[in-house]
Amino acid sequence: MANLQSRETDYKIGVVGVGRMGANIARHLTDEGFDVVAVYDVASESAQELATELGTTAASELAQVAALADYIITVVTDDAAMREIFSEDADDSLLKDASGKVFINCATLSPQIHVDIEQLAEKHGAESLEGCMASSITQAREGTLYLMCGGKQATFDKARPILDSMSVSLRYIGGAGQAAQVKALVNMVMNINTAGLAEGLGLGAALGLDLEMLQEVFAQTGANSRVLETDGEDMQIRDHECYFSAAHASKDSGIALDLANAEGIALPLAQATKAQYDRMIELGLGDLDKSGIAELTFPGRGQNSKK
């Protein structure tokens, strides 16, 4: 792997979308010695605060990011936002000065958007890679993301020093859209596990069981899951500080359901799980961590408050 000096010389990076994930990616890459030359966000004050912290440029336009950076990491909210920043018709777009650039697109999006963006990038002389993250804010800051990539193998190889720095586990999945398909399935199963755990612990609470004991039994039996480790205690003590929001869980389950509908596959568990996260959004709980789904299942909370 290149040393810090060659990284600073060879990789000029821009980050578009500096919410909690994007900002922490920018912080980590800066710590690693990469030259983060510009940050951009529609919330310009967030970009300016981060730019001041990192000693870099808060770009006022997307085209400015493309002009300054050779590698541009995007972390935007959804497909619509992605199409907007890569618009061929808008006055301001990442495509304005795209020739020779490499776009690394890290948001959770539909697989088709990655195919479309790759085609648009190539049309404008650029390259595009999907870098799907199966991790949360803490891992973005520490550079320990589980990162799944899709696109051209040559583009993956070109961006690999950056990707290696961002991740503790890096996997090339295949062509454009395939990493997003895998990510959708990962999050779909994770969300189902989370909802199932909330129901198990909620019923345990209703029965008057010791929840710490119950979690220990779950951990030693077929009820064990990664979600039990990350969310079990939080569900019990109602600590729902957001690392992966209920709103994002709803969106990601929806992406998986769209894929299933296109293939004619019924996914009743995924549908039921999405309905629970949609219910959280309706109740104004969409900004809670996904563990907040326990607010719908524990006795004395949410929809079970009158039981």
Protein backbone atom coordinates (compact mmCIF):
# COMPACT_ATOMS: atom_id res chain seq x y z
CA MET A 1 0.00 0.00 0.00
CA ALA A 2 1.19 3.53 -0.77
CA ASN A 3 2.78 5.50 2.02
CA LEU A 4 1.20 8.69 3.35
CA GLN A 5 3.29 11.03 1.21
CA SER A 6 2.34 9.30 -2.05
CA ARG A 7 -1.29 9.25 -0.96
CA GLU A 8 -1.23 13.00 -0.43
CA THR A 9 0.30 13.46 -3.87
CA ASP A 10 -1.73 10.95 -5.85
CA TYR A 11 -5.26 11.08 -4.44
CA LYS A 12 -7.23 14.32 -4.37
CA ILE A 13 -10.61 13.46 -2.86
CA GLY A 14 -13.92 15.29 -2.73
CA VAL A 15 -16.87 14.24 -0.58
CA VAL A 16 -20.43 15.11 -1.61
CA GLY A 17 -22.98 14.63 1.14
CA VAL A 18 -21.43 15.28 4.54
CA GLY A 19 -24.03 14.04 6.94
CA ARG A 20 -22.81 11.73 9.67
CA MET A 21 -21.51 9.03 7.33
CA GLY A 22 -19.96 11.30 4.71
CA ALA A 23 -18.39 13.62 7.28
CA ASN A 24 -16.80 10.74 9.16
CA ILE A 25 -15.44 9.24 5.96
CA ALA A 26 -13.85 12.61 5.18
CA ARG A 27 -12.40 12.84 8.69
CA HIS A 28 -10.93 9.36 8.51
CA LEU A 29 -9.36 9.85 5.09
CA THR A 30 -7.83 13.11 6.27
CA ASP A 31 -6.40 11.34 9.31
CA GLU A 32 -4.95 8.70 6.99
CA GLY A 33 -3.07 11.33 5.03
CA PHE A 34 -5.29 11.56 1.97
CA ASP A 35 -5.83 15.01 0.50
CA VAL A 36 -9.54 15.77 0.95
CA VAL A 37 -9.64 18.86 -1.22
CA ALA A 38 -13.36 19.69 -1.10
CA VAL A 39 -16.58 18.87 0.70
CA TYR A 40 -20.11 19.71 -0.42
CA ASP A 41 -23.61 19.43 0.99
CA VAL A 42 -26.96 21.00 0.21
CA ALA A 43 -26.86 22.04 3.87
CA SER A 44 -24.02 24.46 3.19
CA GLU A 45 -23.44 25.24 6.86
CA SER A 46 -22.60 21.56 7.51
CA ALA A 47 -20.08 21.59 4.67
CA GLN A 48 -18.53 24.82 5.94
CA GLU A 49 -18.18 23.50 9.49
CA LEU A 50 -16.50 20.32 8.26
CA ALA A 51 -14.26 22.23 5.87
CA THR A 52 -13.10 24.47 8.71
CA GLU A 53 -12.42 21.43 10.88
CA LEU A 54 -10.42 19.66 8.17
CA GLY A 55 -8.75 22.72 6.69
CA THR A 56 -10.23 22.16 3.26
CA THR A 57 -12.62 23.85 0.80
CA ALA A 58 -16.37 24.00 1.30
CA ALA A 59 -17.44 23.90 -2.33
CA SER A 60 -20.35 26.15 -3.22
CA GLU A 61 -21.16 24.09 -6.33
CA LEU A 62 -20.96 20.45 -7.35
CA ALA A 63 -18.92 21.40 -10.40
CA GLN A 64 -16.30 22.90 -8.08
CA VAL A 65 -15.87 19.52 -6.37
CA ALA A 66 -15.35 17.84 -9.74
CA ALA A 67 -12.87 20.52 -10.75
CA LEU A 68 -10.79 20.14 -7.57
CA ALA A 69 -10.91 16.40 -6.92
CA ASP A 70 -9.89 13.33 -8.90
CA TYR A 71 -11.83 10.87 -6.72
CA ILE A 72 -15.28 11.94 -5.56
CA ILE A 73 -17.13 10.05 -2.84
CA THR A 74 -20.89 10.58 -2.79
CA VAL A 75 -23.09 9.79 0.22
CA VAL A 76 -26.55 11.16 -0.57
CA THR A 77 -29.98 10.27 0.76
CA ASP A 78 -31.73 8.45 -2.07
CA ASP A 79 -32.08 7.82 -5.80
CA ALA A 80 -33.65 11.23 -6.46
CA ALA A 81 -30.74 13.03 -4.80
CA MET A 82 -28.29 10.91 -6.78
CA ARG A 83 -29.94 11.76 -10.09
CA GLU A 84 -29.88 15.42 -9.13
CA ILE A 85 -26.14 15.59 -8.46
CA PHE A 86 -25.43 13.69 -11.70
CA SER A 87 -27.94 15.59 -13.82
CA GLU A 88 -27.06 16.34 -17.44
CA ASP A 89 -29.64 19.12 -17.57
CA ALA A 90 -28.98 21.07 -14.37
CA ASP A 91 -26.85 24.19 -14.31
CA ASP A 92 -24.70 22.59 -11.61
CA SER A 93 -23.69 18.92 -11.66
CA LEU A 94 -20.79 16.59 -10.94
CA LEU A 95 -20.78 15.84 -14.67
CA LYS A 96 -19.73 19.39 -15.58
CA ASP A 97 -16.00 18.70 -15.24
CA ALA A 98 -16.12 14.91 -14.99
CA SER A 99 -13.56 13.80 -17.56
CA GLY A 100 -10.93 11.61 -15.93
CA LYS A 101 -12.69 11.54 -12.56
CA VAL A 102 -13.61 8.48 -10.48
CA PHE A 103 -16.89 8.55 -8.58
CA ILE A 104 -17.25 6.25 -5.56
CA ASN A 105 -20.92 6.14 -4.64
CA CYS A 106 -21.49 4.96 -1.08
CA ALA A 107 -25.16 5.63 -0.31
CA THR A 108 -27.73 2.84 -0.12
CA LEU A 109 -29.53 3.20 -3.44
CA SER A 110 -31.47 1.04 -5.85
CA PRO A 111 -29.24 -1.17 -8.01
CA GLN A 112 -30.51 0.46 -11.20
CA ILE A 113 -29.26 3.89 -10.18
CA HIS A 114 -25.70 2.56 -10.05
CA VAL A 115 -26.06 1.15 -13.57
CA ASP A 116 -27.41 4.50 -14.79
CA ILE A 117 -24.70 6.55 -13.09
CA GLU A 118 -21.97 4.32 -14.51
CA GLN A 119 -23.35 4.93 -18.00
CA LEU A 120 -23.57 8.68 -17.43
CA ALA A 121 -20.04 8.80 -16.06
CA GLU A 122 -18.65 6.90 -19.03
CA LYS A 123 -20.51 9.21 -21.42
CA HIS A 124 -18.65 12.13 -19.84
CA GLY A 125 -15.24 10.42 -19.78
CA ALA A 126 -15.38 9.40 -16.11
CA GLU A 127 -15.63 6.18 -14.10
CA SER A 128 -18.10 5.12 -11.44
CA LEU A 129 -17.95 2.56 -8.66
CA GLU A 130 -20.53 1.61 -6.05
CA GLY A 131 -19.12 1.28 -2.56
CA CYS A 132 -21.96 -0.12 -0.47
CA MET A 133 -21.40 0.14 3.27
CA ALA A 134 -22.72 -2.54 5.62
CA SER A 135 -21.63 -0.66 8.73
CA SER A 136 -22.49 2.45 10.71
CA ILE A 137 -21.18 5.86 11.74
CA THR A 138 -18.54 4.60 14.15
CA GLN A 139 -17.02 2.32 11.50
CA ALA A 140 -16.95 5.17 8.98
CA ARG A 141 -14.94 7.27 11.44
CA GLU A 142 -12.55 4.44 12.29
CA GLY A 143 -12.09 3.18 8.73
CA THR A 144 -13.51 -0.23 9.62
CA LEU A 145 -16.43 -0.37 7.19
CA TYR A 146 -17.58 -3.61 5.59
CA LEU A 147 -17.45 -2.38 2.02
CA MET A 148 -18.99 -4.10 -1.00
CA CYS A 149 -18.09 -2.75 -4.42
CA GLY A 150 -19.64 -3.02 -7.85
CA GLY A 151 -18.57 -1.71 -11.23
CA LYS A 152 -15.63 -2.25 -13.55
CA GLN A 153 -12.78 -4.28 -12.04
CA ALA A 154 -10.27 -1.75 -13.37
CA THR A 155 -12.07 1.09 -11.59
CA PHE A 156 -12.11 -0.92 -8.37
CA ASP A 157 -8.37 -1.53 -8.68
CA LYS A 158 -7.68 2.16 -9.34
CA ALA A 159 -9.60 3.27 -6.25
CA ARG A 160 -8.39 0.44 -4.03
CA PRO A 161 -6.00 2.44 -1.79
CA ILE A 162 -8.91 4.69 -0.81
CA LEU A 163 -11.26 1.75 -0.35
CA ASP A 164 -8.71 -0.15 1.73
CA SER A 165 -8.32 2.84 4.01
CA MET A 166 -12.08 3.11 4.52
CA SER A 167 -12.70 -0.56 5.27
CA VAL A 168 -11.66 -3.47 7.43
CA SER A 169 -13.27 -5.90 4.99
CA LEU A 170 -13.37 -5.08 1.30
CA ARG A 171 -15.18 -7.22 -1.25
CA TYR A 172 -15.54 -6.80 -5.00
CA ILE A 173 -19.00 -8.17 -5.84
CA GLY A 174 -19.26 -7.74 -9.61
CA GLY A 175 -20.72 -5.39 -12.20
CA ALA A 176 -22.65 -2.20 -11.56
CA GLY A 177 -25.73 -2.76 -9.44
CA GLN A 178 -24.70 -6.11 -7.99
CA ALA A 179 -23.19 -4.72 -4.79
CA ALA A 180 -26.38 -2.73 -4.23
CA GLN A 181 -28.40 -5.92 -4.65
CA VAL A 182 -26.30 -7.66 -1.99
CA LYS A 183 -26.54 -4.62 0.30
CA ALA A 184 -30.32 -4.60 -0.05
CA LEU A 185 -30.46 -8.23 1.02
CA VAL A 186 -28.09 -7.62 3.94
CA ASN A 187 -30.23 -4.78 5.25
CA MET A 188 -33.48 -6.63 4.61
CA VAL A 189 -32.34 -9.59 6.72
CA MET A 190 -30.87 -7.28 9.37
CA ASN A 191 -34.15 -5.39 9.63
CA ILE A 192 -36.14 -8.63 9.93
CA ASN A 193 -33.77 -9.81 12.67
CA THR A 194 -34.16 -6.50 14.48
CA ALA A 195 -37.94 -6.63 14.35
CA GLY A 196 -37.92 -10.26 15.49
CA LEU A 197 -35.64 -9.49 18.42
CA ALA A 198 -37.87 -6.60 19.48
CA GLU A 199 -40.89 -8.90 19.49
CA GLY A 200 -39.05 -11.63 21.39
CA LEU A 201 -37.81 -9.27 24.08
CA GLY A 202 -41.14 -7.44 24.18
CA LEU A 203 -43.04 -10.67 24.79
CA GLY A 204 -40.44 -11.67 27.37
CA ALA A 205 -41.02 -8.38 29.18
CA ALA A 206 -44.79 -8.94 29.09
CA LEU A 207 -44.29 -12.38 30.63
CA GLY A 208 -42.20 -10.89 33.40
CA LEU A 209 -39.00 -12.67 32.39
CA ASP A 210 -35.56 -11.38 33.30
CA LEU A 211 -34.48 -9.78 30.03
CA GLU A 212 -30.77 -10.04 30.74
CA MET A 213 -31.22 -13.77 31.29
CA LEU A 214 -33.35 -14.00 28.16
CA GLN A 215 -30.67 -12.31 26.06
CA GLU A 216 -28.04 -14.71 27.41
CA VAL A 217 -30.23 -17.66 26.41
CA PHE A 218 -30.83 -16.13 22.97
CA ALA A 219 -27.07 -15.73 22.54
CA GLN A 220 -26.46 -19.42 23.25
CA THR A 221 -29.22 -20.81 21.05
CA GLY A 222 -30.70 -20.51 17.58
CA ALA A 223 -32.12 -17.10 18.52
CA ASN A 224 -28.63 -15.60 18.39
CA SER A 225 -27.83 -12.87 15.85
CA ARG A 226 -25.49 -9.96 15.31
CA VAL A 227 -28.47 -7.70 16.06
CA LEU A 228 -28.79 -9.23 19.53
CA GLU A 229 -25.25 -8.05 20.26
CA THR A 230 -25.73 -4.54 18.90
CA ASP A 231 -29.35 -3.77 19.82
CA GLY A 232 -30.56 -6.09 22.57
CA GLU A 233 -29.50 -4.02 25.55
CA ASP A 234 -30.53 -0.79 23.83
CA MET A 235 -34.03 -2.16 23.34
CA GLN A 236 -34.22 -3.11 27.00
CA ILE A 237 -33.00 0.22 28.41
CA ARG A 238 -34.57 2.37 25.65
CA ASP A 239 -31.28 3.81 24.41
CA HIS A 240 -32.01 4.57 20.77
CA GLU A 241 -29.17 6.92 19.89
CA CYS A 242 -29.12 6.80 16.12
CA TYR A 243 -26.50 4.81 14.24
CA PHE A 244 -28.86 3.44 11.59
CA SER A 245 -32.23 5.15 11.61
CA ALA A 246 -35.68 3.61 11.39
CA ALA A 247 -36.30 5.79 8.34
CA HIS A 248 -33.27 4.27 6.61
CA ALA A 249 -34.42 0.79 7.61
CA SER A 250 -37.77 1.44 5.94
CA LYS A 251 -36.09 2.75 2.80
CA ASP A 252 -33.69 -0.19 2.55
CA SER A 253 -36.38 -2.81 3.12
CA GLY A 254 -38.34 -1.05 0.40
CA ILE A 255 -35.44 -1.43 -2.04
CA ALA A 256 -35.36 -5.17 -1.35
CA LEU A 257 -39.13 -5.44 -1.80
CA ASP A 258 -38.90 -3.63 -5.14
CA LEU A 259 -36.31 -6.17 -6.27
CA ALA A 260 -38.57 -9.01 -5.11
CA ASN A 261 -41.59 -7.57 -6.90
CA ALA A 262 -39.58 -7.31 -10.12
CA GLU A 263 -38.70 -11.01 -9.79
CA GLY A 264 -42.20 -12.08 -8.78
CA ILE A 265 -41.03 -13.23 -5.34
CA ALA A 266 -43.20 -12.84 -2.23
CA LEU A 267 -41.38 -11.68 0.92
CA PRO A 268 -44.01 -11.51 3.69
CA LEU A 269 -41.49 -11.08 6.51
CA ALA A 270 -39.79 -8.18 4.75
CA GLN A 271 -43.19 -6.61 4.10
CA ALA A 272 -44.21 -6.93 7.75
CA THR A 273 -40.89 -5.48 8.89
CA LYS A 274 -41.17 -2.49 6.58
CA ALA A 275 -44.68 -1.89 7.88
CA GLN A 276 -43.29 -1.69 11.41
CA TYR A 277 -40.64 0.84 10.40
CA ASP A 278 -43.23 2.80 8.44
CA ARG A 279 -45.31 2.86 11.62
CA MET A 280 -42.35 4.36 13.48
CA ILE A 281 -42.13 7.11 10.89
CA GLU A 282 -45.87 7.79 11.24
CA LEU A 283 -45.40 8.13 15.01
CA GLY A 284 -42.54 10.59 14.57
CA LEU A 285 -39.90 8.02 15.58
CA GLY A 286 -38.17 7.70 12.22
CA ASP A 287 -35.01 9.43 13.45
CA LEU A 288 -34.50 6.90 16.24
CA ASP A 289 -32.03 4.08 15.74
CA LYS A 290 -33.51 0.91 14.26
CA SER A 291 -33.49 -0.50 17.81
CA GLY A 292 -36.36 1.91 18.46
CA ILE A 293 -38.68 -0.62 16.86
CA ALA A 294 -38.86 -2.02 20.39
CA GLU A 295 -41.03 1.00 21.24
CA LEU A 296 -43.76 -0.72 19.21
CA THR A 297 -43.48 -4.12 20.87
CA PHE A 298 -42.66 -3.75 24.58
CA PRO A 299 -45.61 -3.56 26.99
CA GLY A 300 -46.32 -0.04 28.16
CA ARG A 301 -44.70 1.52 25.11
CA GLY A 302 -46.12 2.84 21.84
CA GLN A 303 -48.87 0.74 20.33
CA ASN A 304 -48.84 -1.58 23.34
CA SER A 305 -49.23 1.23 25.89
CA LYS A 306 -52.86 0.41 26.66
CA LYS A 307 -52.41 -3.34 27.02
